N, C-alpha and C. Protein backbone atom coordinates (compact mmCIF):
# COMPACT_ATOMS: atom_id res chain seq x y z
N MET A 1 10.02 3.78 18.08
CA MET A 1 9.65 2.51 18.36
C MET A 1 9.02 1.74 17.22
N PRO A 2 9.32 0.44 16.92
CA PRO A 2 8.80 -0.24 15.89
C PRO A 2 7.30 -0.45 15.91
N VAL A 3 6.58 0.01 14.86
CA VAL A 3 5.15 -0.19 14.81
C VAL A 3 4.76 -0.91 13.50
N CYS A 4 4.03 -1.93 13.56
CA CYS A 4 3.51 -2.74 12.27
C CYS A 4 2.08 -2.79 12.52
N VAL A 5 1.61 -2.61 11.30
CA VAL A 5 0.00 -2.71 11.11
C VAL A 5 -0.24 -3.81 10.16
N LEU A 6 -0.90 -4.69 10.62
CA LEU A 6 -1.34 -5.89 9.92
C LEU A 6 -2.77 -5.80 9.26
N VAL A 7 -2.93 -6.02 8.13
CA VAL A 7 -4.12 -5.91 7.33
C VAL A 7 -4.76 -7.33 7.33
N LEU A 8 -5.93 -7.52 8.00
CA LEU A 8 -6.55 -8.91 8.17
C LEU A 8 -7.93 -8.83 7.61
N ASN A 9 -8.36 -9.99 7.06
CA ASN A 9 -9.71 -10.20 6.75
C ASN A 9 -10.86 -10.38 7.73
N GLU A 10 -10.40 -10.99 8.87
CA GLU A 10 -11.43 -11.24 9.81
C GLU A 10 -10.89 -10.91 11.22
N ARG A 11 -11.85 -10.62 12.07
CA ARG A 11 -11.50 -10.30 13.48
C ARG A 11 -10.93 -11.51 14.28
N THR A 12 -11.37 -12.62 13.87
CA THR A 12 -10.96 -13.83 14.67
C THR A 12 -9.41 -14.03 14.37
N ALA A 13 -8.96 -13.67 13.25
CA ALA A 13 -7.59 -13.92 13.01
C ALA A 13 -6.84 -12.92 13.93
N ALA A 14 -7.28 -11.78 14.16
CA ALA A 14 -6.64 -10.68 14.91
C ALA A 14 -6.56 -11.04 16.31
N ASP A 15 -7.72 -11.67 16.84
CA ASP A 15 -7.70 -12.15 18.16
C ASP A 15 -6.85 -13.35 18.40
N ARG A 16 -6.93 -14.28 17.36
CA ARG A 16 -5.88 -15.47 17.54
C ARG A 16 -4.54 -15.13 17.54
N LEU A 17 -4.09 -14.13 16.77
CA LEU A 17 -2.72 -13.53 16.72
C LEU A 17 -2.41 -12.98 18.01
N ARG A 18 -3.28 -12.17 18.66
CA ARG A 18 -2.90 -11.44 19.77
C ARG A 18 -2.67 -12.37 20.89
N LEU A 19 -3.52 -13.45 21.02
CA LEU A 19 -3.39 -14.45 22.08
C LEU A 19 -2.08 -15.25 21.81
N ALA A 20 -1.71 -15.54 20.56
CA ALA A 20 -0.48 -16.30 20.43
C ALA A 20 0.63 -15.47 20.67
N LEU A 21 0.65 -14.08 20.35
CA LEU A 21 1.76 -13.34 20.97
C LEU A 21 1.93 -13.29 22.39
N GLN A 22 0.85 -13.19 23.14
CA GLN A 22 0.70 -13.20 24.53
C GLN A 22 1.31 -14.44 25.07
N GLU A 23 0.94 -15.59 24.48
CA GLU A 23 1.39 -16.94 24.95
C GLU A 23 2.79 -17.18 24.64
N ALA A 24 3.40 -16.43 23.52
CA ALA A 24 4.80 -16.60 23.16
C ALA A 24 5.72 -15.61 24.14
N GLY A 25 4.94 -14.72 24.88
CA GLY A 25 5.62 -13.78 25.83
C GLY A 25 6.28 -12.64 25.08
N THR A 26 5.62 -12.19 23.99
CA THR A 26 6.14 -11.12 23.20
C THR A 26 5.73 -9.85 23.93
N PRO A 27 6.64 -9.06 24.34
CA PRO A 27 6.22 -7.84 25.14
C PRO A 27 5.86 -6.72 24.02
N LEU A 28 4.52 -6.36 24.14
CA LEU A 28 4.03 -5.31 23.32
C LEU A 28 3.52 -4.29 24.05
N LEU A 29 4.13 -2.95 23.55
CA LEU A 29 3.66 -1.83 24.27
C LEU A 29 2.33 -1.32 23.96
N ARG A 30 1.73 -1.68 22.75
CA ARG A 30 0.43 -1.24 22.53
C ARG A 30 -0.08 -2.22 21.32
N VAL A 31 -1.48 -2.54 21.63
CA VAL A 31 -2.01 -3.36 20.56
C VAL A 31 -3.46 -2.61 20.36
N ALA A 32 -3.61 -2.33 19.14
CA ALA A 32 -4.91 -1.62 18.74
C ALA A 32 -5.55 -2.38 17.64
N LEU A 33 -6.77 -2.53 17.80
CA LEU A 33 -7.70 -3.30 16.73
C LEU A 33 -8.64 -2.22 16.05
N VAL A 34 -8.49 -1.92 14.82
CA VAL A 34 -9.48 -1.12 14.12
C VAL A 34 -10.39 -1.81 13.30
N ALA A 35 -11.64 -1.53 13.63
CA ALA A 35 -12.79 -2.22 12.81
C ALA A 35 -12.74 -1.55 11.45
N PRO A 36 -13.28 -2.45 10.42
CA PRO A 36 -13.53 -1.98 9.10
C PRO A 36 -14.53 -0.66 9.12
N ALA A 37 -14.54 0.07 7.92
CA ALA A 37 -15.32 1.19 7.84
C ALA A 37 -16.84 0.77 7.79
N SER A 38 -17.15 -0.43 7.26
CA SER A 38 -18.45 -0.85 7.13
C SER A 38 -19.09 -1.20 8.50
N GLU A 39 -18.50 -1.32 9.60
CA GLU A 39 -18.89 -1.58 10.97
C GLU A 39 -19.10 -0.18 11.68
N GLN A 40 -20.26 0.06 11.94
CA GLN A 40 -20.49 1.30 12.80
C GLN A 40 -19.88 1.19 14.16
N ARG A 41 -20.37 0.53 14.86
CA ARG A 41 -19.83 0.31 16.25
C ARG A 41 -19.76 -1.11 16.51
N PHE A 42 -18.59 -1.55 17.01
CA PHE A 42 -18.41 -3.12 16.94
C PHE A 42 -18.63 -3.37 18.48
N ILE A 43 -19.48 -4.36 18.65
CA ILE A 43 -19.74 -5.06 19.97
C ILE A 43 -18.76 -6.32 19.96
N PRO A 44 -17.89 -6.28 21.00
CA PRO A 44 -16.92 -7.35 21.06
C PRO A 44 -17.42 -8.83 21.14
N GLN A 45 -16.81 -9.56 20.38
CA GLN A 45 -17.34 -11.11 20.36
C GLN A 45 -17.01 -11.83 21.67
N LYS A 46 -17.59 -12.57 22.21
CA LYS A 46 -16.97 -13.38 23.24
C LYS A 46 -16.52 -14.83 22.79
N ASP A 47 -15.28 -15.08 23.10
CA ASP A 47 -14.69 -16.27 22.73
C ASP A 47 -14.71 -17.22 23.92
N LYS A 48 -15.42 -18.29 23.92
CA LYS A 48 -15.57 -19.17 25.11
C LYS A 48 -14.37 -19.83 25.35
N THR A 49 -13.36 -19.97 24.46
CA THR A 49 -12.20 -20.75 24.77
C THR A 49 -11.18 -19.98 25.40
N SER A 50 -11.28 -18.61 25.34
CA SER A 50 -10.06 -17.83 25.95
C SER A 50 -10.54 -17.19 27.23
N LEU A 51 -9.72 -17.08 28.28
CA LEU A 51 -10.02 -16.27 29.45
C LEU A 51 -9.79 -14.81 29.42
N GLU A 52 -9.03 -14.43 28.32
CA GLU A 52 -8.82 -12.98 28.07
C GLU A 52 -9.95 -12.23 27.55
N PRO A 53 -10.24 -11.07 27.85
CA PRO A 53 -11.42 -10.40 27.35
C PRO A 53 -11.02 -9.98 25.89
N ASP A 54 -11.93 -9.77 25.00
CA ASP A 54 -11.65 -9.42 23.64
C ASP A 54 -11.05 -8.07 23.64
N LEU A 55 -10.31 -7.70 22.63
CA LEU A 55 -9.71 -6.44 22.65
C LEU A 55 -10.88 -5.54 21.83
N PRO A 56 -11.18 -4.38 22.47
CA PRO A 56 -12.26 -3.71 21.91
C PRO A 56 -11.72 -2.94 20.56
N ALA A 57 -12.56 -2.89 19.57
CA ALA A 57 -12.25 -2.28 18.24
C ALA A 57 -12.26 -0.82 18.50
N GLU A 58 -11.30 -0.08 17.89
CA GLU A 58 -11.21 1.44 17.84
C GLU A 58 -11.64 1.79 16.49
N ALA A 59 -12.01 3.15 16.53
CA ALA A 59 -12.25 3.83 15.29
C ALA A 59 -11.01 4.24 14.63
N LEU A 60 -10.98 4.28 13.29
CA LEU A 60 -9.61 4.68 12.57
C LEU A 60 -9.16 6.12 13.01
N ASP A 61 -10.11 7.03 13.22
CA ASP A 61 -9.83 8.38 13.54
C ASP A 61 -9.34 8.62 14.95
N ASP A 62 -9.51 7.57 15.75
CA ASP A 62 -9.10 7.60 17.16
C ASP A 62 -7.58 7.15 17.42
N VAL A 63 -7.03 6.54 16.39
CA VAL A 63 -5.68 6.05 16.45
C VAL A 63 -4.77 7.16 15.89
N GLU A 64 -3.87 7.78 16.68
CA GLU A 64 -3.03 8.86 16.28
C GLU A 64 -2.14 8.49 14.94
N LEU A 65 -1.50 7.31 15.10
CA LEU A 65 -0.70 7.01 14.06
C LEU A 65 -1.40 6.75 12.67
N LEU A 66 -2.71 6.59 12.71
CA LEU A 66 -3.45 6.34 11.47
C LEU A 66 -4.25 7.60 11.01
N ASN A 67 -4.05 8.66 11.82
CA ASN A 67 -4.95 9.94 11.67
C ASN A 67 -3.93 11.10 11.58
N PRO A 68 -3.49 11.46 10.57
CA PRO A 68 -2.54 12.62 10.45
C PRO A 68 -2.98 13.82 11.09
N GLY A 69 -4.40 14.20 11.06
CA GLY A 69 -5.00 15.34 11.70
C GLY A 69 -4.68 15.34 13.21
N LEU A 70 -4.82 14.23 13.86
CA LEU A 70 -4.54 14.16 15.33
C LEU A 70 -3.14 14.49 15.68
N ALA A 71 -2.26 13.92 14.80
CA ALA A 71 -0.88 14.09 15.00
C ALA A 71 -0.43 15.71 14.89
N ARG A 72 -1.21 16.16 13.84
CA ARG A 72 -0.98 17.72 13.47
C ARG A 72 -1.49 18.51 14.73
N ARG A 73 -2.71 18.24 15.28
CA ARG A 73 -3.15 18.95 16.45
C ARG A 73 -2.25 18.90 17.57
N ARG A 74 -1.71 17.67 17.77
CA ARG A 74 -0.73 17.47 18.95
C ARG A 74 0.55 18.36 18.66
N ARG A 75 1.09 18.32 17.51
CA ARG A 75 2.28 19.14 17.25
C ARG A 75 1.94 20.67 17.40
N GLN A 76 0.85 21.01 16.91
CA GLN A 76 0.37 22.46 17.12
C GLN A 76 0.23 22.93 18.66
N LYS A 77 -0.21 22.14 19.39
CA LYS A 77 -0.36 22.41 20.78
C LYS A 77 0.98 22.39 21.39
N SER A 78 1.80 21.48 21.06
CA SER A 78 3.23 21.62 21.63
C SER A 78 3.98 22.68 21.17
N MET A 79 3.85 23.17 20.02
CA MET A 79 4.55 24.38 19.48
C MET A 79 4.04 25.56 20.25
N ALA A 80 2.64 25.62 20.33
CA ALA A 80 1.94 26.85 20.93
C ALA A 80 2.56 27.08 22.42
N ARG A 81 2.77 25.96 23.07
CA ARG A 81 3.27 26.14 24.31
C ARG A 81 4.52 26.93 24.65
N TRP A 82 5.49 26.85 23.61
CA TRP A 82 6.66 27.61 23.73
C TRP A 82 6.55 28.92 22.97
N LEU A 83 5.76 28.91 21.62
CA LEU A 83 5.73 30.15 20.86
C LEU A 83 5.04 31.23 21.38
N MET A 84 3.90 30.93 22.02
CA MET A 84 3.05 31.90 22.60
C MET A 84 3.76 32.81 23.59
N PRO A 85 4.33 32.24 24.70
CA PRO A 85 5.07 32.98 25.61
C PRO A 85 6.33 33.83 24.99
N PHE A 86 7.04 33.13 24.03
CA PHE A 86 8.14 33.74 23.44
C PHE A 86 7.62 34.87 22.63
N GLY A 87 6.34 34.76 21.95
CA GLY A 87 5.81 35.88 21.32
C GLY A 87 5.40 37.02 22.09
N PHE A 88 4.82 36.76 23.33
CA PHE A 88 4.55 37.75 24.21
C PHE A 88 5.79 38.62 24.61
N PHE A 89 6.84 37.86 24.98
CA PHE A 89 8.07 38.53 25.43
C PHE A 89 8.58 39.33 24.28
N ALA A 90 8.58 38.79 23.04
CA ALA A 90 9.03 39.55 21.96
C ALA A 90 8.26 40.63 21.60
N GLY A 91 7.04 40.63 21.55
CA GLY A 91 6.06 41.72 21.23
C GLY A 91 6.14 42.76 22.31
N SER A 92 6.25 42.56 23.55
CA SER A 92 6.46 43.63 24.62
C SER A 92 7.76 44.25 24.49
N THR A 93 8.93 43.36 24.28
CA THR A 93 10.20 44.12 24.07
C THR A 93 10.32 44.98 22.86
N PHE A 94 9.74 44.41 21.75
CA PHE A 94 9.64 45.34 20.53
C PHE A 94 8.99 46.65 20.78
N THR A 95 7.90 46.60 21.45
CA THR A 95 7.25 47.85 21.79
C THR A 95 7.88 48.84 22.64
N GLN A 96 8.65 48.27 23.56
CA GLN A 96 9.58 48.94 24.43
C GLN A 96 10.75 49.66 23.77
N ILE A 97 11.35 48.87 22.94
CA ILE A 97 12.49 49.31 22.23
C ILE A 97 12.45 50.26 21.05
N THR A 98 11.25 50.23 20.51
CA THR A 98 11.03 51.11 19.30
C THR A 98 10.39 52.30 19.75
N THR A 99 10.38 53.41 18.91
CA THR A 99 9.87 54.59 19.17
C THR A 99 8.46 54.72 18.52
N LEU A 100 7.83 53.58 18.15
CA LEU A 100 6.46 53.72 17.62
C LEU A 100 5.55 54.02 18.64
N GLU A 101 4.53 54.81 18.18
CA GLU A 101 3.52 55.42 19.19
C GLU A 101 2.17 54.89 18.99
N THR A 102 2.07 53.63 18.50
CA THR A 102 0.82 53.02 18.00
C THR A 102 -0.04 53.00 19.32
N PHE A 103 0.35 52.56 20.37
CA PHE A 103 -0.55 52.28 21.54
C PHE A 103 -0.08 53.29 22.67
N ALA A 104 0.28 54.47 22.30
CA ALA A 104 0.81 55.43 23.31
C ALA A 104 -0.32 55.97 24.30
N SER A 105 -1.51 55.85 23.80
CA SER A 105 -2.57 56.39 24.64
C SER A 105 -2.91 55.54 25.80
N PHE A 106 -2.31 54.23 25.76
CA PHE A 106 -2.51 53.31 26.97
C PHE A 106 -1.40 53.58 27.95
N GLY A 107 -0.37 54.30 27.62
CA GLY A 107 0.59 54.51 28.63
C GLY A 107 1.80 53.54 28.38
N PRO A 108 3.07 53.65 28.99
CA PRO A 108 4.16 52.80 28.62
C PRO A 108 3.94 51.28 28.94
N TRP A 109 3.23 51.08 30.07
CA TRP A 109 3.00 49.67 30.43
C TRP A 109 1.90 49.06 29.64
N GLY A 110 0.85 49.96 29.34
CA GLY A 110 -0.27 49.37 28.54
C GLY A 110 0.12 49.09 27.14
N ALA A 111 0.96 49.93 26.68
CA ALA A 111 1.48 49.76 25.33
C ALA A 111 2.30 48.58 25.12
N ALA A 112 3.17 48.33 26.23
CA ALA A 112 4.02 47.13 26.22
C ALA A 112 3.26 45.84 26.28
N PHE A 113 2.12 45.86 27.14
CA PHE A 113 1.10 44.81 27.37
C PHE A 113 0.39 44.45 26.06
N ILE A 114 -0.05 45.48 25.36
CA ILE A 114 -0.88 45.15 24.10
C ILE A 114 0.19 44.62 23.03
N GLY A 115 1.35 45.19 23.00
CA GLY A 115 2.29 44.58 22.07
C GLY A 115 2.69 43.27 22.39
N GLY A 116 2.69 42.75 23.71
CA GLY A 116 2.96 41.50 23.99
C GLY A 116 1.70 40.53 23.57
N LEU A 117 0.50 41.04 23.72
CA LEU A 117 -0.72 40.22 23.38
C LEU A 117 -0.63 40.08 21.86
N LEU A 118 -0.24 41.01 21.13
CA LEU A 118 -0.15 40.89 19.65
C LEU A 118 0.86 39.97 19.25
N GLY A 119 2.10 39.90 20.05
CA GLY A 119 3.15 38.92 19.78
C GLY A 119 2.68 37.49 20.16
N MET A 120 1.94 37.46 21.23
CA MET A 120 1.33 36.19 21.66
C MET A 120 0.41 35.54 20.58
N GLY A 121 -0.31 36.43 19.93
CA GLY A 121 -1.29 36.02 18.86
C GLY A 121 -0.51 35.54 17.67
N SER A 122 0.59 36.36 17.50
CA SER A 122 1.47 35.87 16.40
C SER A 122 2.18 34.49 16.51
N GLY A 123 2.44 34.22 17.78
CA GLY A 123 2.96 32.98 18.18
C GLY A 123 1.92 31.88 17.88
N LEU A 124 0.87 32.11 18.32
CA LEU A 124 -0.29 31.02 18.04
C LEU A 124 -0.60 30.81 16.52
N MET A 125 -0.53 31.94 15.80
CA MET A 125 -0.60 31.67 14.24
C MET A 125 0.52 30.92 13.75
N GLY A 126 1.76 31.12 14.22
CA GLY A 126 2.94 30.46 13.89
C GLY A 126 2.94 28.94 14.23
N SER A 127 2.40 28.77 15.31
CA SER A 127 2.20 27.34 15.76
C SER A 127 1.35 26.51 14.68
N TYR A 128 0.25 27.07 14.26
CA TYR A 128 -0.73 26.51 13.25
C TYR A 128 0.09 26.43 11.99
N ALA A 129 0.70 27.39 11.59
CA ALA A 129 1.34 27.26 10.17
C ALA A 129 2.57 26.22 10.32
N ALA A 130 3.26 26.32 11.35
CA ALA A 130 4.43 25.35 11.50
C ALA A 130 4.01 23.87 11.48
N ALA A 131 2.86 23.64 12.28
CA ALA A 131 2.43 22.24 12.40
C ALA A 131 1.78 21.78 11.17
N ALA A 132 1.30 22.55 10.30
CA ALA A 132 0.68 22.15 9.09
C ALA A 132 1.68 21.94 8.01
N SER A 133 2.87 22.50 8.20
CA SER A 133 3.87 22.51 7.15
C SER A 133 4.73 21.28 7.24
N VAL A 134 4.68 20.57 8.44
CA VAL A 134 5.53 19.37 8.57
C VAL A 134 4.87 18.10 8.01
N PRO A 135 5.45 17.40 7.02
CA PRO A 135 4.76 16.25 6.44
C PRO A 135 4.99 14.95 7.27
N SER A 136 4.15 14.04 7.25
CA SER A 136 4.47 12.93 7.90
C SER A 136 5.41 11.90 7.22
N GLU A 137 6.26 11.11 7.99
CA GLU A 137 7.01 10.20 7.28
C GLU A 137 6.22 8.92 6.83
N ASN A 138 5.06 8.75 7.34
CA ASN A 138 4.36 7.58 7.24
C ASN A 138 3.16 7.79 6.24
N GLU A 139 3.20 8.90 5.49
CA GLU A 139 2.10 9.35 4.67
C GLU A 139 1.67 8.25 3.70
N ASP A 140 2.53 7.62 2.99
CA ASP A 140 2.13 6.62 2.09
C ASP A 140 1.68 5.35 2.72
N GLY A 141 2.23 4.99 3.86
CA GLY A 141 1.81 3.85 4.57
C GLY A 141 0.37 4.08 5.17
N VAL A 142 0.10 5.27 5.60
CA VAL A 142 -1.16 5.56 6.22
C VAL A 142 -2.21 5.57 5.18
N ARG A 143 -1.88 6.17 4.08
CA ARG A 143 -2.91 6.16 2.91
C ARG A 143 -3.23 4.71 2.48
N ILE A 144 -2.24 3.85 2.34
CA ILE A 144 -2.53 2.43 2.04
C ILE A 144 -3.51 1.88 3.07
N LEU A 145 -3.23 2.05 4.44
CA LEU A 145 -4.00 1.55 5.44
C LEU A 145 -5.43 2.11 5.46
N ARG A 146 -5.53 3.26 5.07
CA ARG A 146 -6.92 3.97 5.12
C ARG A 146 -7.63 3.30 4.05
N ASN A 147 -7.09 3.15 2.98
CA ASN A 147 -7.70 2.42 1.70
C ASN A 147 -8.21 1.06 2.03
N ARG A 148 -7.28 0.22 2.67
CA ARG A 148 -7.79 -1.13 3.18
C ARG A 148 -8.81 -1.09 4.27
N HIS A 149 -8.79 -0.03 4.98
CA HIS A 149 -9.97 0.17 6.07
C HIS A 149 -11.23 0.45 5.27
N LEU A 150 -11.26 1.18 4.17
CA LEU A 150 -12.47 1.52 3.47
C LEU A 150 -12.84 0.24 2.68
N GLU A 151 -11.96 -0.69 2.28
CA GLU A 151 -12.40 -1.82 1.59
C GLU A 151 -12.94 -2.81 2.56
N GLY A 152 -12.87 -2.75 3.74
CA GLY A 152 -13.51 -3.59 4.83
C GLY A 152 -12.49 -4.56 5.53
N CYS A 153 -11.31 -4.24 5.68
CA CYS A 153 -10.26 -5.07 6.30
C CYS A 153 -10.16 -4.50 7.79
N TRP A 154 -9.78 -5.44 8.66
CA TRP A 154 -9.32 -5.28 9.97
C TRP A 154 -7.89 -4.82 9.96
N LEU A 155 -7.64 -3.82 10.81
CA LEU A 155 -6.25 -3.43 11.00
C LEU A 155 -5.84 -3.72 12.56
N LEU A 156 -4.68 -4.35 12.65
CA LEU A 156 -4.17 -4.71 13.99
C LEU A 156 -2.74 -3.98 14.10
N LEU A 157 -2.64 -3.00 14.94
CA LEU A 157 -1.47 -2.22 15.22
C LEU A 157 -0.77 -2.84 16.31
N LEU A 158 0.55 -3.27 16.15
CA LEU A 158 1.29 -3.77 17.18
C LEU A 158 2.53 -2.95 17.26
N GLU A 159 2.75 -2.55 18.52
CA GLU A 159 3.95 -1.59 18.81
C GLU A 159 4.87 -2.42 19.83
N THR A 160 6.08 -2.49 19.52
CA THR A 160 7.12 -3.25 20.26
C THR A 160 8.05 -2.38 20.82
N ARG A 161 8.98 -2.82 21.82
CA ARG A 161 10.02 -1.93 22.29
C ARG A 161 11.00 -1.81 21.35
N PRO A 162 11.82 -0.47 21.47
CA PRO A 162 12.83 -0.33 20.47
C PRO A 162 13.94 -1.52 20.45
N GLY A 163 14.28 -1.86 19.21
CA GLY A 163 15.27 -2.92 19.13
C GLY A 163 14.62 -4.46 19.14
N MET A 164 13.39 -4.42 19.36
CA MET A 164 12.66 -5.75 19.44
C MET A 164 11.88 -5.95 18.22
N GLU A 165 12.00 -7.20 17.69
CA GLU A 165 11.24 -7.51 16.50
C GLU A 165 10.05 -8.48 16.93
N LEU A 166 9.09 -8.47 16.05
CA LEU A 166 8.04 -9.35 16.23
C LEU A 166 8.30 -10.78 15.78
N PRO A 167 7.85 -11.71 16.45
CA PRO A 167 8.03 -13.18 15.90
C PRO A 167 7.33 -13.37 14.58
N TRP A 168 8.18 -13.17 13.46
CA TRP A 168 7.44 -13.11 12.14
C TRP A 168 6.72 -14.49 11.81
N GLN A 169 7.26 -15.53 12.36
CA GLN A 169 6.61 -16.91 12.00
C GLN A 169 5.26 -16.91 12.63
N THR A 170 5.10 -16.29 13.78
CA THR A 170 3.72 -16.33 14.47
C THR A 170 2.90 -15.31 13.58
N VAL A 171 3.40 -14.28 13.24
CA VAL A 171 2.59 -13.33 12.56
C VAL A 171 2.10 -13.85 11.25
N GLN A 172 2.92 -14.60 10.58
CA GLN A 172 2.64 -15.19 9.28
C GLN A 172 1.52 -16.31 9.35
N LYS A 173 1.40 -16.94 10.61
CA LYS A 173 0.40 -17.96 10.65
C LYS A 173 -0.97 -17.20 10.70
N ALA A 174 -1.12 -16.00 10.90
CA ALA A 174 -2.30 -15.32 10.81
C ALA A 174 -2.80 -14.90 9.43
N ARG A 175 -1.80 -15.09 8.47
CA ARG A 175 -2.05 -14.88 7.11
C ARG A 175 -2.67 -13.37 6.84
N PRO A 176 -1.74 -12.45 7.17
CA PRO A 176 -2.19 -11.00 6.95
C PRO A 176 -2.14 -10.80 5.44
N GLN A 177 -3.17 -10.04 4.92
CA GLN A 177 -3.19 -9.46 3.51
C GLN A 177 -1.87 -8.60 3.31
N GLN A 178 -1.56 -7.89 4.20
CA GLN A 178 -0.47 -6.95 4.03
C GLN A 178 0.14 -6.68 5.48
N VAL A 179 1.39 -6.36 5.47
CA VAL A 179 2.09 -5.69 6.58
C VAL A 179 2.76 -4.48 6.34
N VAL A 180 2.29 -3.46 7.07
CA VAL A 180 2.83 -2.00 6.95
C VAL A 180 3.71 -1.65 8.17
N ARG A 181 4.95 -1.38 7.96
CA ARG A 181 5.79 -0.88 9.03
C ARG A 181 5.71 0.61 8.98
N LEU A 182 5.37 1.25 10.26
CA LEU A 182 5.39 2.59 10.28
C LEU A 182 6.52 3.06 11.24
N SER A 183 7.31 3.96 10.82
CA SER A 183 8.49 4.39 11.50
C SER A 183 8.30 5.48 12.63
N GLU A 184 7.46 6.28 12.45
CA GLU A 184 7.17 7.52 13.28
C GLU A 184 6.55 7.11 14.53
N LEU A 185 7.01 7.55 15.66
CA LEU A 185 6.44 7.46 16.91
C LEU A 185 6.93 8.52 17.96
């Protein structure tokens, strides 16, 4: 799904752009506003001319596309869901088919169960290693956005449906400092 992040100087420009996109009927799947690093907790401003409530500002670390650590944790949990049961099955099978007597004192079923637990632990460790070894396609774009965030800029994340483009003339009226396209979703 196409994702664009606009780097803006002011929150009012982000609010005006969001309202202009709504008025134009642009179907957006997700709109997220990230407050600058200098703002601790943002209290939404009330615009008396609009009937729409202001978009609450999010922290940069709460947006998964802009936080590689969140994406890595999601991948790790997803991989652990299938690696741990597979590891349990593989560990118990290995214990049954080999003539190793490492856990023979627990009996044939106890030894297979302990082998399964060890295999499940191996699956969990493998999920961490595999999740950490996958680099993000958006690494350079995210680094740029995190630097702009630290410089005190507002970030407006706009996600559209597949095959749908943003109305760039409307976007350019907001005068963004930078537009970063993220391909991963």
